[in-house]
Amino acid sequence: MKRFVSVLLVSSLALAASAFAAPAEAPLNLHNSPDVVAKQLQKINTQMADGETYAEISVENRSKVREALGRITGALEASGGRPLTPEAETQAFNDQEIVNTLLTGAKEDSRVVCERERQMGSNRITSKCMTVAERRRLREQGERATRDLSQRQLQYDPRNGGSGR
């Protein structure tokens, strides 16, 4: 019993430590120095163009990110190295939140997950790799197909001479 309690205590401490772990660094942080912010902006633009890092970002969200980055860049250039006005600073931080939210979600959706599975009728194990977004789309297609099939079965019931319920 004592051993069980100690194992439970250690595992709960491990879970608590992982819960308080530092969150992943955001793509853009305007609290940094201007040269660091410029490097972050350049890195974001490069990653959006590489077709891999943010591959699953929608066209609409991609344009929102580009618009927000343009507004941030314009505000920083207009300030000429001086601190931003309170209004410009508020707008820049709002745009930063837009950029970080959309890019963090797109990066997560673009993450490739590989699963090892056996092919039907074979002992050979193969790896099947897909992005998180592709897996979600396949799951949604399967759910939609199942729902459509069950609706068709409700519409045609051979026991009732072909009529519905």
C-alpha atoms as a PDB file:
ATOM      1  CA  MET A   1       0.000   0.000   0.000  1.00  0.00           C
ATOM      2  CA  LYS A   2       2.836   2.331   0.920  1.00  0.00           C
ATOM      3  CA  ARG A   3       4.528   1.606  -2.398  1.00  0.00           C
ATOM      4  CA  PHE A   4       1.318   2.360  -4.304  1.00  0.00           C
ATOM      5  CA  VAL A   5       0.955   5.735  -2.570  1.00  0.00           C
ATOM      6  CA  SER A   6       4.574   6.664  -3.298  1.00  0.00           C
ATOM      7  CA  VAL A   7       4.209   5.715  -6.979  1.00  0.00           C
ATOM      8  CA  LEU A   8       1.013   7.741  -7.150  1.00  0.00           C
ATOM      9  CA  LEU A   9       2.725  10.734  -5.536  1.00  0.00           C
ATOM     10  CA  VAL A  10       5.703  10.601  -7.908  1.00  0.00           C
ATOM     11  CA  SER A  11       3.494  10.301 -10.970  1.00  0.00           C
ATOM     12  CA  SER A  12       1.285  13.194  -9.875  1.00  0.00           C
ATOM     13  CA  LEU A  13       4.386  15.348  -9.313  1.00  0.00           C
ATOM     14  CA  ALA A  14       5.614  14.482 -12.801  1.00  0.00           C
ATOM     15  CA  LEU A  15       2.261  15.458 -14.287  1.00  0.00           C
ATOM     16  CA  ALA A  16       2.242  18.711 -12.337  1.00  0.00           C
ATOM     17  CA  ALA A  17       5.732  19.570 -13.550  1.00  0.00           C
ATOM     18  CA  SER A  18       4.733  18.998 -17.164  1.00  0.00           C
ATOM     19  CA  ALA A  19       1.640  21.167 -16.696  1.00  0.00           C
ATOM     20  CA  PHE A  20       3.796  24.088 -15.557  1.00  0.00           C
ATOM     21  CA  ALA A  21       6.381  23.663 -18.293  1.00  0.00           C
ATOM     22  CA  ALA A  22       7.119  26.758 -20.329  1.00  0.00           C
ATOM     23  CA  PRO A  23       4.817  27.135 -23.328  1.00  0.00           C
ATOM     24  CA  ALA A  24       6.276  26.992 -26.805  1.00  0.00           C
ATOM     25  CA  GLU A  25       7.769  30.298 -27.882  1.00  0.00           C
ATOM     26  CA  ALA A  26       5.448  32.407 -30.011  1.00  0.00           C
ATOM     27  CA  PRO A  27       6.554  33.174 -33.569  1.00  0.00           C
ATOM     28  CA  LEU A  28       6.454  36.942 -32.925  1.00  0.00           C
ATOM     29  CA  ASN A  29       7.247  38.861 -29.734  1.00  0.00           C
ATOM     30  CA  LEU A  30       7.231  42.666 -29.954  1.00  0.00           C
ATOM     31  CA  HIS A  31       8.740  42.988 -26.473  1.00  0.00           C
ATOM     32  CA  ASN A  32      12.138  42.156 -27.981  1.00  0.00           C
ATOM     33  CA  SER A  33      14.619  44.666 -29.370  1.00  0.00           C
ATOM     34  CA  PRO A  34      13.905  46.053 -32.872  1.00  0.00           C
ATOM     35  CA  ASP A  35      16.645  43.948 -34.506  1.00  0.00           C
ATOM     36  CA  VAL A  36      15.264  40.739 -32.938  1.00  0.00           C
ATOM     37  CA  VAL A  37      11.738  41.667 -34.081  1.00  0.00           C
ATOM     38  CA  ALA A  38      13.069  42.286 -37.606  1.00  0.00           C
ATOM     39  CA  LYS A  39      14.668  38.808 -37.592  1.00  0.00           C
ATOM     40  CA  GLN A  40      11.394  37.276 -36.358  1.00  0.00           C
ATOM     41  CA  LEU A  41       9.445  39.012 -39.139  1.00  0.00           C
ATOM     42  CA  GLN A  42      11.949  37.800 -41.730  1.00  0.00           C
ATOM     43  CA  LYS A  43      11.808  34.241 -40.347  1.00  0.00           C
ATOM     44  CA  ILE A  44       7.981  34.219 -40.450  1.00  0.00           C
ATOM     45  CA  ASN A  45       7.964  35.402 -44.065  1.00  0.00           C
ATOM     46  CA  THR A  46      10.551  32.744 -45.004  1.00  0.00           C
ATOM     47  CA  GLN A  47       8.615  29.981 -43.256  1.00  0.00           C
ATOM     48  CA  MET A  48       5.334  31.020 -44.870  1.00  0.00           C
ATOM     49  CA  ALA A  49       7.009  30.830 -48.274  1.00  0.00           C
ATOM     50  CA  ASP A  50       8.774  27.472 -47.766  1.00  0.00           C
ATOM     51  CA  GLY A  51       5.549  25.473 -48.128  1.00  0.00           C
ATOM     52  CA  GLU A  52       6.328  23.189 -45.183  1.00  0.00           C
ATOM     53  CA  THR A  53       6.222  24.994 -41.838  1.00  0.00           C
ATOM     54  CA  TYR A  54       2.778  26.543 -42.319  1.00  0.00           C
ATOM     55  CA  ALA A  55       1.583  24.304 -45.162  1.00  0.00           C
ATOM     56  CA  GLU A  56      -1.899  23.865 -43.701  1.00  0.00           C
ATOM     57  CA  ILE A  57      -2.706  27.560 -43.246  1.00  0.00           C
ATOM     58  CA  SER A  58      -5.775  28.556 -45.237  1.00  0.00           C
ATOM     59  CA  VAL A  59      -5.589  31.225 -47.939  1.00  0.00           C
ATOM     60  CA  GLU A  60      -7.812  33.487 -45.840  1.00  0.00           C
ATOM     61  CA  ASN A  61      -5.646  33.115 -42.724  1.00  0.00           C
ATOM     62  CA  ARG A  62      -2.465  33.519 -44.774  1.00  0.00           C
ATOM     63  CA  SER A  63      -3.725  36.875 -46.048  1.00  0.00           C
ATOM     64  CA  LYS A  64      -4.741  37.925 -42.498  1.00  0.00           C
ATOM     65  CA  VAL A  65      -1.217  37.127 -41.284  1.00  0.00           C
ATOM     66  CA  ARG A  66       0.386  39.039 -44.160  1.00  0.00           C
ATOM     67  CA  GLU A  67      -1.857  42.071 -43.521  1.00  0.00           C
ATOM     68  CA  ALA A  68      -1.043  42.047 -39.788  1.00  0.00           C
ATOM     69  CA  LEU A  69       2.678  41.702 -40.502  1.00  0.00           C
ATOM     70  CA  GLY A  70       2.433  44.602 -42.949  1.00  0.00           C
ATOM     71  CA  ARG A  71       0.747  46.807 -40.347  1.00  0.00           C
ATOM     72  CA  ILE A  72       3.372  45.894 -37.738  1.00  0.00           C
ATOM     73  CA  THR A  73       6.228  46.567 -40.145  1.00  0.00           C
ATOM     74  CA  GLY A  74       4.670  49.889 -41.171  1.00  0.00           C
ATOM     75  CA  ALA A  75       4.248  50.991 -37.562  1.00  0.00           C
ATOM     76  CA  LEU A  76       7.829  50.071 -36.690  1.00  0.00           C
ATOM     77  CA  GLU A  77       9.210  51.875 -39.755  1.00  0.00           C
ATOM     78  CA  ALA A  78       7.047  54.951 -39.074  1.00  0.00           C
ATOM     79  CA  SER A  79       8.384  55.185 -35.523  1.00  0.00           C
ATOM     80  CA  GLY A  80      11.953  55.393 -36.817  1.00  0.00           C
ATOM     81  CA  GLY A  81      13.401  53.483 -33.865  1.00  0.00           C
ATOM     82  CA  ARG A  82      11.546  55.572 -31.290  1.00  0.00           C
ATOM     83  CA  PRO A  83       8.956  53.967 -29.001  1.00  0.00           C
ATOM     84  CA  LEU A  84       5.537  53.527 -30.563  1.00  0.00           C
ATOM     85  CA  THR A  85       2.676  55.803 -29.611  1.00  0.00           C
ATOM     86  CA  PRO A  86       0.156  54.175 -27.255  1.00  0.00           C
ATOM     87  CA  GLU A  87      -2.372  53.783 -30.092  1.00  0.00           C
ATOM     88  CA  ALA A  88       0.214  52.304 -32.473  1.00  0.00           C
ATOM     89  CA  GLU A  89       1.523  50.034 -29.731  1.00  0.00           C
ATOM     90  CA  THR A  90      -1.975  48.733 -28.977  1.00  0.00           C
ATOM     91  CA  GLN A  91      -2.616  48.061 -32.681  1.00  0.00           C
ATOM     92  CA  ALA A  92       0.783  46.357 -33.053  1.00  0.00           C
ATOM     93  CA  PHE A  93       0.163  44.064 -30.073  1.00  0.00           C
ATOM     94  CA  ASN A  94      -3.326  43.210 -31.364  1.00  0.00           C
ATOM     95  CA  ASP A  95      -1.755  42.327 -34.717  1.00  0.00           C
ATOM     96  CA  GLN A  96       0.889  40.285 -32.900  1.00  0.00           C
ATOM     97  CA  GLU A  97      -1.869  38.228 -31.262  1.00  0.00           C
ATOM     98  CA  ILE A  98      -3.500  37.625 -34.642  1.00  0.00           C
ATOM     99  CA  VAL A  99      -0.187  36.470 -36.126  1.00  0.00           C
ATOM    100  CA  ASN A 100       0.739  34.242 -33.181  1.00  0.00           C
ATOM    101  CA  THR A 101      -2.696  32.646 -32.929  1.00  0.00           C
ATOM    102  CA  LEU A 102      -3.013  31.833 -36.634  1.00  0.00           C
ATOM    103  CA  LEU A 103       0.579  30.673 -37.102  1.00  0.00           C
ATOM    104  CA  THR A 104       0.614  28.511 -33.980  1.00  0.00           C
ATOM    105  CA  GLY A 105      -2.550  26.731 -35.140  1.00  0.00           C
ATOM    106  CA  ALA A 106      -1.226  26.337 -38.677  1.00  0.00           C
ATOM    107  CA  LYS A 107       2.102  24.994 -37.465  1.00  0.00           C
ATOM    108  CA  GLU A 108       0.336  22.410 -35.299  1.00  0.00           C
ATOM    109  CA  ASP A 109      -1.881  21.376 -38.230  1.00  0.00           C
ATOM    110  CA  SER A 110       1.191  21.085 -40.488  1.00  0.00           C
ATOM    111  CA  ARG A 111       2.994  18.731 -38.087  1.00  0.00           C
ATOM    112  CA  VAL A 112       3.603  15.327 -39.671  1.00  0.00           C
ATOM    113  CA  VAL A 113       2.608  12.298 -37.589  1.00  0.00           C
ATOM    114  CA  CYS A 114       3.741   8.831 -38.621  1.00  0.00           C
ATOM    115  CA  GLU A 115       1.979   5.667 -37.585  1.00  0.00           C
ATOM    116  CA  ARG A 116       3.360   2.155 -37.999  1.00  0.00           C
ATOM    117  CA  GLU A 117       0.739  -0.364 -39.030  1.00  0.00           C
ATOM    118  CA  ARG A 118       0.423  -3.812 -40.567  1.00  0.00           C
ATOM    119  CA  GLN A 119      -1.147  -4.118 -43.957  1.00  0.00           C
ATOM    120  CA  MET A 120      -4.196  -6.352 -44.123  1.00  0.00           C
ATOM    121  CA  GLY A 121      -3.130  -9.924 -44.948  1.00  0.00           C
ATOM    122  CA  SER A 122       0.551  -9.228 -44.384  1.00  0.00           C
ATOM    123  CA  ASN A 123       2.985  -9.301 -41.504  1.00  0.00           C
ATOM    124  CA  ARG A 124       4.977  -6.445 -43.008  1.00  0.00           C
ATOM    125  CA  ILE A 125       4.847  -3.232 -40.974  1.00  0.00           C
ATOM    126  CA  THR A 126       4.751   0.017 -42.912  1.00  0.00           C
ATOM    127  CA  SER A 127       4.801   3.636 -41.853  1.00  0.00           C
ATOM    128  CA  LYS A 128       1.928   5.864 -42.841  1.00  0.00           C
ATOM    129  CA  CYS A 129       2.713   9.570 -42.440  1.00  0.00           C
ATOM    130  CA  MET A 130       0.179  12.404 -42.642  1.00  0.00           C
ATOM    131  CA  THR A 131      -0.179  15.896 -41.299  1.00  0.00           C
ATOM    132  CA  VAL A 132      -2.507  16.494 -38.383  1.00  0.00           C
ATOM    133  CA  ALA A 133      -4.873  18.363 -40.712  1.00  0.00           C
ATOM    134  CA  GLU A 134      -4.911  15.485 -43.231  1.00  0.00           C
ATOM    135  CA  ARG A 135      -5.780  13.039 -40.464  1.00  0.00           C
ATOM    136  CA  ARG A 136      -8.607  15.312 -39.313  1.00  0.00           C
ATOM    137  CA  ARG A 137      -9.944  15.652 -42.881  1.00  0.00           C
ATOM    138  CA  LEU A 138      -9.898  11.868 -43.362  1.00  0.00           C
ATOM    139  CA  ARG A 139     -11.722  11.347 -40.063  1.00  0.00           C
ATOM    140  CA  GLU A 140     -14.348  13.956 -41.019  1.00  0.00           C
ATOM    141  CA  GLN A 141     -14.791  12.337 -44.458  1.00  0.00           C
ATOM    142  CA  GLY A 142     -15.345   8.956 -42.812  1.00  0.00           C
ATOM    143  CA  GLU A 143     -17.877  10.408 -40.385  1.00  0.00           C
ATOM    144  CA  ARG A 144     -19.679  12.174 -43.244  1.00  0.00           C
ATOM    145  CA  ALA A 145     -19.726   8.994 -45.346  1.00  0.00           C
ATOM    146  CA  THR A 146     -21.097   6.976 -42.417  1.00  0.00           C
ATOM    147  CA  ARG A 147     -23.782   9.584 -41.777  1.00  0.00           C
ATOM    148  CA  ASP A 148     -24.756   9.675 -45.483  1.00  0.00           C
ATOM    149  CA  LEU A 149     -24.903   5.891 -45.652  1.00  0.00           C
ATOM    150  CA  SER A 150     -27.128   5.636 -42.591  1.00  0.00           C
ATOM    151  CA  GLN A 151     -29.438   8.324 -44.014  1.00  0.00           C
ATOM    152  CA  ARG A 152     -29.708   6.414 -47.299  1.00  0.00           C
ATOM    153  CA  GLN A 153     -30.619   3.252 -45.406  1.00  0.00           C
ATOM    154  CA  LEU A 154     -33.378   5.144 -43.638  1.00  0.00           C
ATOM    155  CA  GLN A 155     -34.709   6.387 -46.972  1.00  0.00           C
ATOM    156  CA  TYR A 156     -34.834   2.907 -48.541  1.00  0.00           C
ATOM    157  CA  ASP A 157     -36.154   0.081 -46.441  1.00  0.00           C
ATOM    158  CA  PRO A 158     -36.783  -3.111 -48.476  1.00  0.00           C
ATOM    159  CA  ARG A 159     -38.997  -4.481 -45.703  1.00  0.00           C
ATOM    160  CA  ASN A 160     -41.537  -1.740 -46.402  1.00  0.00           C
ATOM    161  CA  GLY A 161     -41.564  -2.206 -50.151  1.00  0.00           C
ATOM    162  CA  GLY A 162     -38.912   0.451 -50.780  1.00  0.00           C
ATOM    163  CA  SER A 163     -40.513   3.315 -48.884  1.00  0.00           C
ATOM    164  CA  GLY A 164     -38.946   5.043 -45.928  1.00  0.00           C
ATOM    165  CA  ARG A 165     -39.781   4.217 -42.349  1.00  0.00           C
END
